């Protein structure tokens, strides 16, 4: 179903000078197949028939050992990518007078920011002591096939003008003091719960997914506002804006900046005997890629690292970081003709929320992004684990939650912030009396080397009853693995109760988190409380988890490792 979008004009902006550029990013994804699920929403696998992380055609390893059979027929899926922040910057430098700005404003497409239910939304971020507020911007790469140009680049004639998927999703966190930026990618095959969403154009309500669903399906449930709602429900991070692009014109963007330097540690040819791969062919060392070659770099999976989507994301991060440096150093962008052409392409491909609905506002955003030095830009992929069938991925318990906490509390992932004491959480929702708070207690004391402590949930629930939480009950059916004890709650109306429980136990409020995985206030007794009646809270650790491997914006020596099976001489 094609979607129409509201277009309009913005106020007359100051015409910026050439070279007033900020930060940008661009990304792609490769092709794949569509599989219709029970609830009528399509999911997709890679175009080679593999699962999300370079697995075999049925979700196991490449040899199919963990596979299943009976999968519906394959449909080729076009590549996915996103170049939205680059577009923001170009808009701020392409000025040719007020009428031209009006024209560019009319190119922009606008949609609602969040179309989910109010109960699933995260609270607005509060300013710091200096009155500064961080910005959270969701970058969405759509696989839309709604134009001749999009289809020419991606093919897939049988899927022309069908609902798009949000196959690239990245949360950009700009710190309150504008000294650093953290960017977190989410694998497109991440399984999660998509909340209720209501299409603002048709009024159709898409019910919350009854089971775990691929995150890229969110875009087809009313538009980008549902993808925003999905992220807010998962992370409890308030999202201020979204920027979404399809893939038309990315070749022109790469050409306009004169190419982007990328590096490989060996000759690479992304091609298999069965015809899969992006076709990328480069010699060892650094090459400035543009046009079709830039496109191939960003969609390559076969040839990089272990052949997984995670390796591809790393290559995308290298490309984006390199492009940041090019935009800040490359004088070719002072050519007005090139900039105007690029601005035409960018605005025509861009969809934003109403709060970013003019060239002026996008330019103002670019100035904020420009304040961050490249050495303080850190990119990572959400910590993840394979799903039980090995065919998809899930947020990694504890580690993914920690990444979201750091962003919520405006703590840089690169670990270079000055040590600051973060404020304890407070809630506008008053807590019920202790004896009215229903608490479910789960045993999370199992570790990779230790069995769970038998009866631990029952022992702690009895402790809570003795402390006045008379509705505390053990959940004997659930034994999980949690490194540290945590309290989870499902919605804002139970946040006060969860914080009251934390205070009674002497736990930091940072160990209290909103989660779609629980139905009520839930205390998960972790491996740090395997015995005893008093919980000793660990000191807050504000470093990124080891599983969140960072790609630095200033790393000029970054070089992709080439899989030996894809080299040539």
Protein backbone atom coordinates (compact mmCIF):
# COMPACT_ATOMS: atom_id res chain seq x y z
CA UNK A 1 0.00 0.00 0.00
CA UNK A 2 1.42 3.33 -1.03
CA UNK A 3 1.47 6.09 1.55
CA UNK A 4 0.88 9.74 0.84
CA UNK A 5 2.62 12.38 2.95
CA UNK A 6 1.96 15.98 3.90
CA UNK A 7 4.24 18.51 2.28
CA UNK A 8 4.64 22.16 3.13
CA UNK A 9 6.84 25.22 3.48
CA UNK A 10 9.12 26.49 6.19
CA UNK A 11 10.18 29.93 7.31
CA UNK A 12 12.76 31.80 5.30
CA UNK A 13 16.17 30.64 6.53
CA UNK A 14 19.56 32.27 6.55
CA UNK A 15 21.48 31.08 3.49
CA UNK A 16 24.52 29.29 4.90
CA UNK A 17 28.00 29.59 3.54
CA UNK A 18 29.66 26.77 1.65
CA UNK A 19 31.52 24.45 3.94
CA UNK A 20 29.12 24.83 6.91
CA UNK A 21 28.74 21.13 7.23
CA UNK A 22 28.04 18.86 10.13
CA UNK A 23 27.77 15.13 10.63
CA UNK A 24 26.30 12.59 8.28
CA UNK A 25 25.66 8.91 7.83
CA UNK A 26 24.71 6.42 5.16
CA UNK A 27 23.90 2.73 5.20
CA UNK A 28 22.58 -0.11 3.13
CA UNK A 29 21.37 -3.67 3.42
CA UNK A 30 21.29 -6.56 0.96
CA UNK A 31 18.46 -8.42 -0.69
CA UNK A 32 16.27 -11.20 0.64
CA UNK A 33 12.95 -13.03 0.60
CA UNK A 34 9.51 -12.33 2.04
CA UNK A 35 7.71 -14.78 4.31
CA UNK A 36 4.09 -14.13 5.29
CA UNK A 37 3.47 -14.64 9.02
CA UNK A 38 0.30 -15.71 10.78
CA UNK A 39 -0.69 -12.14 11.57
CA UNK A 40 -0.41 -11.13 7.93
CA UNK A 41 2.84 -9.20 8.12
CA UNK A 42 5.76 -10.16 5.91
CA UNK A 43 9.15 -11.01 7.33
CA UNK A 44 12.27 -11.36 5.25
CA UNK A 45 15.50 -13.26 5.08
CA UNK A 46 18.65 -12.33 3.21
CA UNK A 47 18.55 -12.50 -0.56
CA UNK A 48 20.82 -15.52 -0.52
CA UNK A 49 18.23 -17.41 1.53
CA UNK A 50 20.17 -17.15 4.76
CA UNK A 51 19.15 -16.08 8.23
CA UNK A 52 20.10 -12.80 9.87
CA UNK A 53 23.71 -13.46 10.74
CA UNK A 54 25.04 -15.36 7.76
CA UNK A 55 23.39 -18.62 8.71
CA UNK A 56 22.18 -21.37 6.44
CA UNK A 57 19.01 -21.14 4.34
CA UNK A 58 16.84 -22.39 7.15
CA UNK A 59 18.24 -20.42 10.04
CA UNK A 60 21.11 -22.62 11.18
CA UNK A 61 24.77 -22.61 10.21
CA UNK A 62 25.67 -22.34 6.54
CA UNK A 63 25.70 -26.10 6.24
CA UNK A 64 22.04 -26.20 7.31
CA UNK A 65 22.63 -28.40 10.36
CA UNK A 66 20.16 -26.44 12.48
CA UNK A 67 17.70 -25.77 9.67
CA UNK A 68 14.04 -26.50 9.19
CA UNK A 69 12.10 -27.19 6.01
CA UNK A 70 8.89 -26.02 4.44
CA UNK A 71 9.76 -22.33 4.09
CA UNK A 72 7.56 -20.45 1.55
CA UNK A 73 9.01 -19.52 -1.83
CA UNK A 74 11.68 -16.88 -1.95
CA UNK A 75 11.18 -13.37 -3.24
CA UNK A 76 14.14 -11.20 -4.01
CA UNK A 77 14.37 -8.21 -1.73
CA UNK A 78 16.08 -5.01 -2.70
CA UNK A 79 18.89 -3.55 -0.67
CA UNK A 80 18.17 -1.34 2.31
CA UNK A 81 20.15 1.67 3.38
CA UNK A 82 19.91 5.09 4.95
CA UNK A 83 21.62 8.41 4.16
CA UNK A 84 19.46 10.74 6.19
CA UNK A 85 22.03 12.69 8.18
CA UNK A 86 24.02 13.33 5.03
CA UNK A 87 20.84 14.75 3.56
CA UNK A 88 20.41 17.05 6.56
CA UNK A 89 23.85 18.51 5.99
CA UNK A 90 23.41 18.98 2.28
CA UNK A 91 20.20 20.90 2.84
CA UNK A 92 22.12 23.43 4.91
CA UNK A 93 24.58 24.19 2.12
CA UNK A 94 22.55 24.12 -1.05
CA UNK A 95 20.95 27.55 -0.73
CA UNK A 96 20.03 29.53 -3.81
CA UNK A 97 17.43 31.93 -2.46
CA UNK A 98 14.05 31.83 -0.79
CA UNK A 99 12.13 30.38 -3.73
CA UNK A 100 14.57 27.50 -3.94
CA UNK A 101 14.12 26.83 -0.24
CA UNK A 102 10.37 26.77 -0.74
CA UNK A 103 10.89 24.25 -3.51
CA UNK A 104 13.05 22.04 -1.27
CA UNK A 105 10.52 22.32 1.54
CA UNK A 106 7.83 21.09 -0.81
CA UNK A 107 10.03 18.10 -1.63
CA UNK A 108 10.07 17.02 2.02
CA UNK A 109 7.62 14.38 3.19
CA UNK A 110 6.26 14.59 6.75
CA UNK A 111 4.60 12.05 9.02
CA UNK A 112 3.62 11.80 12.69
CA UNK A 113 6.42 11.15 15.17
CA UNK A 114 4.79 8.47 17.34
CA UNK A 115 1.56 6.64 16.51
CA UNK A 116 1.63 4.21 19.42
CA UNK A 117 -0.47 4.22 22.59
CA UNK A 118 0.39 6.76 25.27
CA UNK A 119 1.12 4.00 27.80
CA UNK A 120 3.96 2.68 25.64
CA UNK A 121 5.70 6.04 25.24
CA UNK A 122 8.81 7.07 27.12
CA UNK A 123 8.83 10.20 29.26
CA UNK A 124 10.44 13.29 27.74
CA UNK A 125 14.10 13.70 28.54
CA UNK A 126 14.75 16.21 31.31
CA UNK A 127 17.37 18.98 30.95
CA UNK A 128 20.63 18.71 32.88
CA UNK A 129 21.68 21.14 35.60
CA UNK A 130 22.78 23.65 32.95
CA UNK A 131 19.41 23.53 31.21
CA UNK A 132 20.76 21.53 28.26
CA UNK A 133 18.74 18.66 26.78
CA UNK A 134 20.07 15.71 24.76
CA UNK A 135 18.54 14.79 21.42
CA UNK A 136 17.53 11.28 20.36
CA UNK A 137 16.95 10.83 16.63
CA UNK A 138 15.83 7.56 15.05
CA UNK A 139 17.37 6.99 11.62
CA UNK A 140 15.29 4.65 9.47
CA UNK A 141 16.36 3.06 6.19
CA UNK A 142 13.32 1.98 4.19
CA UNK A 143 13.27 -0.67 1.47
CA UNK A 144 10.45 1.13 -0.36
CA UNK A 145 9.92 0.18 -4.01
CA UNK A 146 7.48 2.99 -4.73
CA UNK A 147 9.29 4.65 -7.62
CA UNK A 148 10.84 3.65 -10.93
CA UNK A 149 14.26 4.74 -9.68
CA UNK A 150 14.00 2.72 -6.48
CA UNK A 151 12.96 -0.36 -8.40
CA UNK A 152 15.69 0.08 -10.99
CA UNK A 153 18.29 0.09 -8.21
CA UNK A 154 16.76 -2.79 -6.29
CA UNK A 155 14.80 -4.91 -8.72
CA UNK A 156 12.05 -7.10 -7.20
CA UNK A 157 9.32 -6.33 -9.75
CA UNK A 158 6.82 -8.57 -7.98
CA UNK A 159 7.06 -6.45 -4.82
CA UNK A 160 6.65 -3.03 -6.45
CA UNK A 161 4.76 -0.56 -4.23
CA UNK A 162 4.17 -3.04 -1.39
CA UNK A 163 4.51 -1.89 2.24
CA UNK A 164 8.09 -0.92 3.04
CA UNK A 165 10.19 -2.44 5.83
CA UNK A 166 12.40 -0.56 8.28
CA UNK A 167 15.41 -2.70 7.47
CA UNK A 168 17.97 -0.24 8.80
CA UNK A 169 17.37 1.33 12.21
CA UNK A 170 19.87 3.40 14.17
CA UNK A 171 19.33 5.52 17.26
CA UNK A 172 21.50 8.63 17.26
CA UNK A 173 22.01 10.14 20.72
CA UNK A 174 23.43 13.66 20.79
CA UNK A 175 24.60 14.57 24.29
CA UNK A 176 23.06 17.51 26.13
CA UNK A 177 26.35 19.44 26.11
CA UNK A 178 26.98 18.52 22.44
CA UNK A 179 30.40 17.09 23.24
CA UNK A 180 29.71 13.54 22.07
CA UNK A 181 27.45 11.35 19.99
CA UNK A 182 26.53 7.69 20.39
CA UNK A 183 24.88 5.72 17.57
CA UNK A 184 23.35 2.28 18.16
CA UNK A 185 22.26 0.04 15.27
CA UNK A 186 19.63 -2.66 15.70
CA UNK A 187 19.87 -5.77 13.49
CA UNK A 188 16.89 -5.89 11.15
CA UNK A 189 16.00 -9.44 12.26
CA UNK A 190 15.74 -8.55 15.95
CA UNK A 191 12.67 -10.16 17.50
CA UNK A 192 10.62 -7.96 19.82
CA UNK A 193 7.07 -6.94 20.61
CA UNK A 194 5.59 -4.26 18.38
CA UNK A 195 3.01 -2.14 20.22
CA UNK A 196 -0.44 -0.96 19.11
CA UNK A 197 -0.13 1.57 16.30
CA UNK A 198 -2.83 3.64 14.57
CA UNK A 199 -2.26 4.83 11.01
CA UNK A 200 -2.90 8.61 11.11
CA UNK A 201 -4.06 8.65 7.47
CA UNK A 202 -6.47 5.72 7.38
CA UNK A 203 -7.39 5.44 11.06
CA UNK A 204 -6.61 1.72 10.95
CA UNK A 205 -5.30 0.31 14.22
CA UNK A 206 -2.69 -2.43 14.10
CA UNK A 207 -2.95 -4.53 17.24
CA UNK A 208 0.18 -5.18 19.26
CA UNK A 209 2.00 -8.26 18.03
CA UNK A 210 0.87 -11.32 19.96
CA UNK A 211 4.31 -12.89 19.65
CA UNK A 212 7.85 -11.75 19.02
CA UNK A 213 8.06 -10.13 15.60
CA UNK A 214 10.91 -8.88 13.42
CA UNK A 215 11.56 -5.22 14.14
CA UNK A 216 11.60 -4.26 10.46
CA UNK A 217 7.87 -5.07 10.24
CA UNK A 218 7.05 -2.01 12.36
CA UNK A 219 7.19 0.35 9.37
CA UNK A 220 4.34 -1.49 7.66
CA UNK A 221 2.01 -0.87 10.60
CA UNK A 222 1.09 2.72 9.92
CA UNK A 223 4.44 4.26 9.00
CA UNK A 224 7.64 5.44 10.71
CA UNK A 225 5.69 6.57 13.78
CA UNK A 226 5.18 2.89 14.61
CA UNK A 227 8.92 2.22 14.34
CA UNK A 228 9.47 5.09 16.79
CA UNK A 229 6.81 3.63 19.12
CA UNK A 230 8.51 0.22 18.96
CA UNK A 231 11.89 1.69 19.93
CA UNK A 232 10.41 3.69 22.80
CA UNK A 233 8.65 0.65 24.21
CA UNK A 234 11.82 -1.44 23.99
CA UNK A 235 14.32 1.11 25.32
CA UNK A 236 12.23 3.54 27.41
CA UNK A 237 14.17 6.31 25.62
CA UNK A 238 12.20 9.34 24.46
CA UNK A 239 12.76 9.89 20.74
CA UNK A 240 12.64 13.52 19.65
CA UNK A 241 12.73 13.09 15.87
CA UNK A 242 12.98 10.54 13.10
CA UNK A 243 14.57 10.83 9.66
CA UNK A 244 13.72 8.19 7.06
CA UNK A 245 15.02 7.72 3.54
CA UNK A 246 14.64 5.22 0.76
CA UNK A 247 17.66 4.42 -1.39
CA UNK A 248 17.10 6.55 -4.51
CA UNK A 249 19.94 8.99 -5.11
CA UNK A 250 22.59 7.52 -2.82
CA UNK A 251 24.90 6.99 -5.76
CA UNK A 252 24.67 10.70 -6.57
CA UNK A 253 25.44 11.59 -2.96
CA UNK A 254 28.61 9.54 -2.97
CA UNK A 255 29.65 11.15 -6.27
CA UNK A 256 28.91 14.67 -5.04
CA UNK A 257 31.42 14.49 -2.22
CA UNK A 258 34.11 13.07 -4.47
CA UNK A 259 34.09 9.55 -3.07
CA UNK A 260 34.54 8.00 0.38
CA UNK A 261 37.84 6.32 1.37
CA UNK A 262 37.40 2.75 2.63
CA UNK A 263 39.96 0.09 3.45
CA UNK A 264 40.26 -3.70 3.13
CA UNK A 265 43.13 -5.82 4.42
CA UNK A 266 43.21 -8.03 1.29
CA UNK A 267 41.91 -8.07 -2.27
CA UNK A 268 38.16 -8.69 -2.14
CA UNK A 269 35.57 -9.91 -4.62
CA UNK A 270 32.09 -10.31 -3.16
CA UNK A 271 30.78 -13.03 -5.43
CA UNK A 272 29.88 -16.69 -5.03
CA UNK A 273 29.69 -19.50 -7.57
CA UNK A 274 25.90 -19.40 -7.29
CA UNK A 275 25.73 -15.70 -8.12
CA UNK A 276 25.28 -14.23 -4.62
CA UNK A 277 27.21 -11.26 -3.29
CA UNK A 278 27.28 -7.52 -3.95
CA UNK A 279 29.87 -7.69 -6.74
CA UNK A 280 32.30 -5.45 -4.84
CA UNK A 281 35.83 -5.88 -6.18
CA UNK A 282 38.66 -3.91 -4.57
CA UNK A 283 42.40 -4.19 -4.19
CA UNK A 284 44.03 -4.42 -0.78
CA UNK A 285 44.43 -1.05 0.93
CA UNK A 286 42.43 2.17 0.73
CA UNK A 287 40.14 3.02 -2.17
CA UNK A 288 37.87 6.03 -2.62
CA UNK A 289 34.52 4.49 -3.55
CA UNK A 290 31.64 6.33 -5.18
CA UNK A 291 28.66 5.61 -7.39
CA UNK A 292 27.85 1.94 -7.84
CA UNK A 293 31.00 0.90 -5.99
CA UNK A 294 29.89 2.80 -2.88
CA UNK A 295 26.57 1.01 -3.14
CA UNK A 296 28.33 -2.35 -3.33
CA UNK A 297 30.47 -1.57 -0.28
CA UNK A 298 27.46 -0.79 1.85
CA UNK A 299 25.50 -3.89 0.90
CA UNK A 300 28.41 -6.37 1.05
CA UNK A 301 28.10 -9.25 3.46
CA UNK A 302 29.81 -12.01 1.53
CA UNK A 303 33.49 -11.16 1.89
CA UNK A 304 33.63 -9.19 5.14
CA UNK A 305 34.57 -10.76 8.48
CA UNK A 306 32.49 -13.91 9.08
CA UNK A 307 29.90 -13.14 6.42
CA UNK A 308 27.28 -11.96 8.91
CA UNK A 309 25.00 -8.94 9.09
CA UNK A 310 27.12 -7.78 12.02
CA UNK A 311 30.19 -7.67 9.78
CA UNK A 312 28.20 -5.71 7.23
CA UNK A 313 27.17 -3.22 9.92
CA UNK A 314 30.82 -2.73 10.81
CA UNK A 315 31.59 -1.91 7.18
CA UNK A 316 28.73 0.57 7.14
CA UNK A 317 30.10 2.24 10.26
CA UNK A 318 33.53 2.56 8.62
CA UNK A 319 31.92 4.16 5.58
CA UNK A 320 29.89 6.60 7.68
CA UNK A 321 32.83 7.65 9.82
CA UNK A 322 34.95 8.19 6.74
CA UNK A 323 32.20 10.24 5.11
CA UNK A 324 32.01 12.43 8.24
CA UNK A 325 35.66 13.31 7.80
CA UNK A 326 35.22 13.88 4.06
CA UNK A 327 32.34 16.27 4.59
CA UNK A 328 34.38 18.31 7.04
CA UNK A 329 37.49 18.42 4.90
CA UNK A 330 36.43 18.07 1.26
CA UNK A 331 36.33 21.34 -0.66
CA UNK A 332 34.38 19.86 -3.59
CA UNK A 333 31.19 20.51 -1.65
CA UNK A 334 31.65 24.23 -2.23
CA UNK A 335 30.41 23.70 -5.80
CA UNK A 336 26.88 25.19 -5.77
CA UNK A 337 25.71 23.18 -8.77
CA UNK A 338 26.64 19.88 -7.21
CA UNK A 339 25.05 20.86 -3.91
CA UNK A 340 21.78 21.90 -5.52
CA UNK A 341 21.56 18.60 -7.39
CA UNK A 342 22.27 16.69 -4.23
CA UNK A 343 19.73 18.71 -2.29
CA UNK A 344 17.07 17.88 -4.87
CA UNK A 345 17.78 14.18 -4.53
CA UNK A 346 18.03 14.28 -0.74
CA UNK A 347 14.82 16.18 -0.06
CA UNK A 348 12.85 14.07 -2.52
CA UNK A 349 13.97 10.91 -0.71
CA UNK A 350 13.55 12.25 2.83
CA UNK A 351 10.65 11.68 5.24
CA UNK A 352 10.77 13.43 8.61
CA UNK A 353 8.52 14.05 11.58
CA UNK A 354 6.53 17.27 11.76
CA UNK A 355 9.09 18.78 14.16
CA UNK A 356 11.76 18.59 11.45
CA UNK A 357 9.44 19.51 8.62
CA UNK A 358 11.40 22.32 6.98
CA UNK A 359 14.83 22.91 5.52
CA UNK A 360 15.43 25.54 8.21
CA UNK A 361 14.84 23.05 11.01
CA UNK A 362 16.99 20.44 9.34
CA UNK A 363 19.76 22.98 8.93
CA UNK A 364 19.49 23.94 12.60
CA UNK A 365 19.85 20.26 13.45
CA UNK A 366 22.94 19.99 11.25
CA UNK A 367 24.56 22.82 13.22
CA UNK A 368 23.97 20.91 16.45
CA UNK A 369 25.45 17.74 14.98
CA UNK A 370 28.46 19.67 13.71
CA UNK A 371 29.48 20.60 17.26
CA UNK A 372 30.60 17.05 18.01
CA UNK A 373 34.26 16.33 17.14
CA UNK A 374 34.81 13.15 15.16
CA UNK A 375 36.90 11.68 17.99
CA UNK A 376 33.78 11.71 20.18
CA UNK A 377 31.52 9.85 17.73
CA UNK A 378 31.02 6.22 18.78
CA UNK A 379 28.95 3.69 16.83
CA UNK A 380 27.96 0.21 17.88
CA UNK A 381 25.44 -2.54 17.24
CA UNK A 382 22.94 -3.41 19.95
CA UNK A 383 24.29 -6.34 21.99
CA UNK A 384 22.43 -9.40 20.75
CA UNK A 385 22.09 -13.17 21.06
CA UNK A 386 20.61 -15.73 18.70
CA UNK A 387 16.97 -16.69 19.19
CA UNK A 388 16.22 -20.25 20.31
CA UNK A 389 15.87 -21.50 16.74
CA UNK A 390 19.08 -19.77 15.64
CA UNK A 391 17.18 -17.99 12.87
CA UNK A 392 16.82 -14.50 14.36
CA UNK A 393 18.37 -12.42 17.12
CA UNK A 394 17.21 -10.99 20.45
CA UNK A 395 18.51 -8.12 22.58
CA UNK A 396 21.22 -9.56 24.83
CA UNK A 397 19.93 -9.60 28.42
CA UNK A 398 21.65 -7.12 30.73
CA UNK A 399 24.07 -5.83 28.07
CA UNK A 400 21.41 -4.32 25.78
CA UNK A 401 19.61 -2.94 28.83
CA UNK A 402 22.82 -1.29 29.97
CA UNK A 403 23.32 0.40 26.60
CA UNK A 404 19.79 1.81 26.79
CA UNK A 405 20.42 3.02 30.35
CA UNK A 406 23.58 4.84 29.34
CA UNK A 407 21.70 6.64 26.57
CA UNK A 408 18.79 7.47 28.87
CA UNK A 409 21.18 8.97 31.39
CA UNK A 410 23.21 10.81 28.73
CA UNK A 411 26.40 8.88 29.42
CA UNK A 412 28.75 8.58 26.44
CA UNK A 413 29.40 5.06 25.15
CA UNK A 414 33.05 5.93 24.48
CA UNK A 415 33.70 6.20 28.24
CA UNK A 416 35.39 9.61 27.93
CA UNK A 417 32.85 11.64 29.87
CA UNK A 418 34.04 13.37 32.96
CA UNK A 419 32.89 11.37 35.95
CA UNK A 420 29.46 12.61 36.89
CA UNK A 421 26.96 11.49 39.44
CA UNK A 422 23.72 10.59 37.73
CA UNK A 423 20.49 11.47 39.46
CA UNK A 424 18.32 8.74 40.89
CA UNK A 425 15.09 8.06 39.01
CA UNK A 426 11.88 9.64 40.20
CA UNK A 427 8.34 8.96 39.10
CA UNK A 428 5.25 11.09 38.72
CA UNK A 429 3.25 7.95 39.46
CA UNK A 430 2.79 7.60 43.23
CA UNK A 431 3.54 4.20 44.74
CA UNK A 432 0.81 2.15 46.32
CA UNK A 433 1.10 1.01 49.91
CA UNK A 434 3.64 -1.78 50.34
CA UNK A 435 0.96 -4.37 51.10
CA UNK A 436 -0.87 -3.43 47.90
CA UNK A 437 2.11 -3.86 45.57
CA UNK A 438 1.99 -7.20 43.76
CA UNK A 439 5.55 -8.45 43.25
CA UNK A 440 6.53 -11.48 41.22
CA UNK A 441 9.94 -12.90 42.18
CA UNK A 442 12.00 -14.86 39.67
CA UNK A 443 15.20 -16.85 40.14
CA UNK A 444 17.94 -15.43 37.93
CA UNK A 445 20.90 -16.83 39.85
CA UNK A 446 22.03 -19.23 37.14
CA UNK A 447 25.37 -18.37 35.50
CA UNK A 448 27.46 -19.89 32.73
CA UNK A 449 29.36 -21.91 35.35
CA UNK A 450 26.90 -22.21 38.28
CA UNK A 451 23.50 -23.86 38.51
CA UNK A 452 20.64 -21.73 39.86
CA UNK A 453 20.23 -21.66 43.63
CA UNK A 454 17.27 -23.96 44.40
CA UNK A 455 14.32 -22.17 45.99
CA UNK A 456 15.93 -18.73 45.79
CA UNK A 457 12.80 -17.01 44.43
CA UNK A 458 10.72 -18.47 47.27
CA UNK A 459 13.26 -17.40 49.88
CA UNK A 460 13.34 -13.81 48.64
CA UNK A 461 9.55 -13.60 48.29
CA UNK A 462 9.23 -14.70 51.91
CA UNK A 463 11.73 -12.01 52.85
CA UNK A 464 9.57 -9.41 51.07
CA UNK A 465 6.42 -10.62 52.81
CA UNK A 466 8.22 -10.15 56.11
CA UNK A 467 9.09 -6.57 55.08
CA UNK A 468 5.44 -5.73 54.42
CA UNK A 469 5.15 -6.61 50.71
CA UNK A 470 2.50 -9.21 51.52
CA UNK A 471 1.52 -9.74 47.88
CA UNK A 472 5.00 -10.93 46.88
CA UNK A 473 4.96 -14.38 45.27
CA UNK A 474 7.61 -16.63 43.78
CA UNK A 475 7.44 -17.66 40.12
CA UNK A 476 8.75 -21.26 40.18
CA UNK A 477 8.21 -21.69 36.45
CA UNK A 478 10.90 -19.22 35.42
CA UNK A 479 14.63 -19.66 35.95
CA UNK A 480 16.70 -17.06 34.13
CA UNK A 481 20.25 -15.74 34.03
CA UNK A 482 20.89 -12.24 35.36
CA UNK A 483 24.33 -11.02 36.37
CA UNK A 484 22.82 -8.42 38.71
CA UNK A 485 19.48 -8.21 40.46
CA UNK A 486 16.94 -6.14 38.56
CA UNK A 487 13.36 -4.89 38.96
CA UNK A 488 11.22 -4.69 35.83
CA UNK A 489 7.80 -3.14 35.26
CA UNK A 490 5.62 -3.09 32.11
CA UNK A 491 4.09 0.40 32.02
CA UNK A 492 4.31 3.92 33.47
CA UNK A 493 1.46 3.33 35.94
CA UNK A 494 3.61 0.76 37.78
CA UNK A 495 6.88 2.70 37.78
CA UNK A 496 6.23 4.21 41.23
CA UNK A 497 5.61 0.74 42.70
CA UNK A 498 8.84 -0.59 41.16
CA UNK A 499 10.87 2.33 42.53
CA UNK A 500 9.33 1.85 45.99
CA UNK A 501 10.42 -1.82 45.95
CA UNK A 502 13.94 -0.78 44.94
CA UNK A 503 14.14 1.67 47.83
CA UNK A 504 12.97 -0.96 50.32
CA UNK A 505 15.68 -3.37 49.13
CA UNK A 506 18.45 -0.76 49.01
CA UNK A 507 18.78 -1.07 45.25
CA UNK A 508 19.83 1.72 42.92
CA UNK A 509 16.97 3.08 40.86
CA UNK A 510 19.20 2.43 37.84
CA UNK A 511 18.40 -1.25 38.39
CA UNK A 512 14.72 -0.47 37.74
CA UNK A 513 13.74 -0.76 34.09
CA UNK A 514 10.66 -0.74 31.92
CA UNK A 515 10.22 -4.00 30.01
CA UNK A 516 7.64 -5.51 27.70
CA UNK A 517 8.66 -8.97 28.92
CA UNK A 518 6.79 -8.71 32.25
CA UNK A 519 3.12 -8.21 33.13
CA UNK A 520 3.64 -6.62 36.54
CA UNK A 521 6.35 -5.52 38.97
CA UNK A 522 8.94 -8.29 38.76
CA UNK A 523 12.03 -8.77 40.91
CA UNK A 524 14.64 -10.97 39.20
CA UNK A 525 17.13 -12.15 41.81
CA UNK A 526 20.49 -12.14 40.06
CA UNK A 527 23.79 -13.95 40.46
CA UNK A 528 24.98 -11.13 42.75
CA UNK A 529 22.41 -12.22 45.41
CA UNK A 530 22.72 -15.98 45.56
CA UNK A 531 22.44 -16.07 49.36
CA UNK A 532 21.72 -13.93 52.41
CA UNK A 533 18.80 -11.72 53.39
CA UNK A 534 20.31 -8.32 52.58
CA UNK A 535 21.02 -7.14 49.07
CA UNK A 536 24.30 -5.29 48.55
CA UNK A 537 23.92 -3.12 45.50
CA UNK A 538 26.97 -2.95 43.20
CA UNK A 539 28.44 0.41 42.33
CA UNK A 540 27.02 1.84 39.12
CA UNK A 541 29.33 1.04 36.20
CA UNK A 542 28.97 3.63 33.47
CA UNK A 543 31.16 1.89 30.90
CA UNK A 544 29.69 0.29 27.79
CA UNK A 545 29.45 -3.53 28.01
CA UNK A 546 32.22 -5.47 26.28
CA UNK A 547 29.72 -6.88 23.80
CA UNK A 548 29.03 -3.35 22.51
CA UNK A 549 32.12 -3.09 20.35
CA UNK A 550 32.63 0.54 19.35
CA UNK A 551 33.59 1.98 15.97
CA UNK A 552 35.22 5.38 16.46
CA UNK A 553 34.61 8.34 14.18
CA UNK A 554 38.26 9.41 14.30
CA UNK A 555 39.74 6.01 13.42
CA UNK A 556 41.48 6.72 10.11
CA UNK A 557 43.22 3.33 10.19
CA UNK A 558 40.03 1.23 10.30
CA UNK A 559 40.25 -1.58 7.76
CA UNK A 560 37.74 -4.33 7.06
CA UNK A 561 38.99 -7.90 7.40
CA UNK A 562 38.40 -9.89 4.21
CA UNK A 563 37.22 -13.46 4.47
CA UNK A 564 39.92 -15.62 2.80
CA UNK A 565 37.23 -17.32 0.68
CA UNK A 566 36.61 -14.03 -1.14
CA UNK A 567 40.10 -12.90 -2.06
CA UNK A 568 41.68 -12.77 -5.50
CA UNK A 569 45.13 -12.28 -6.94
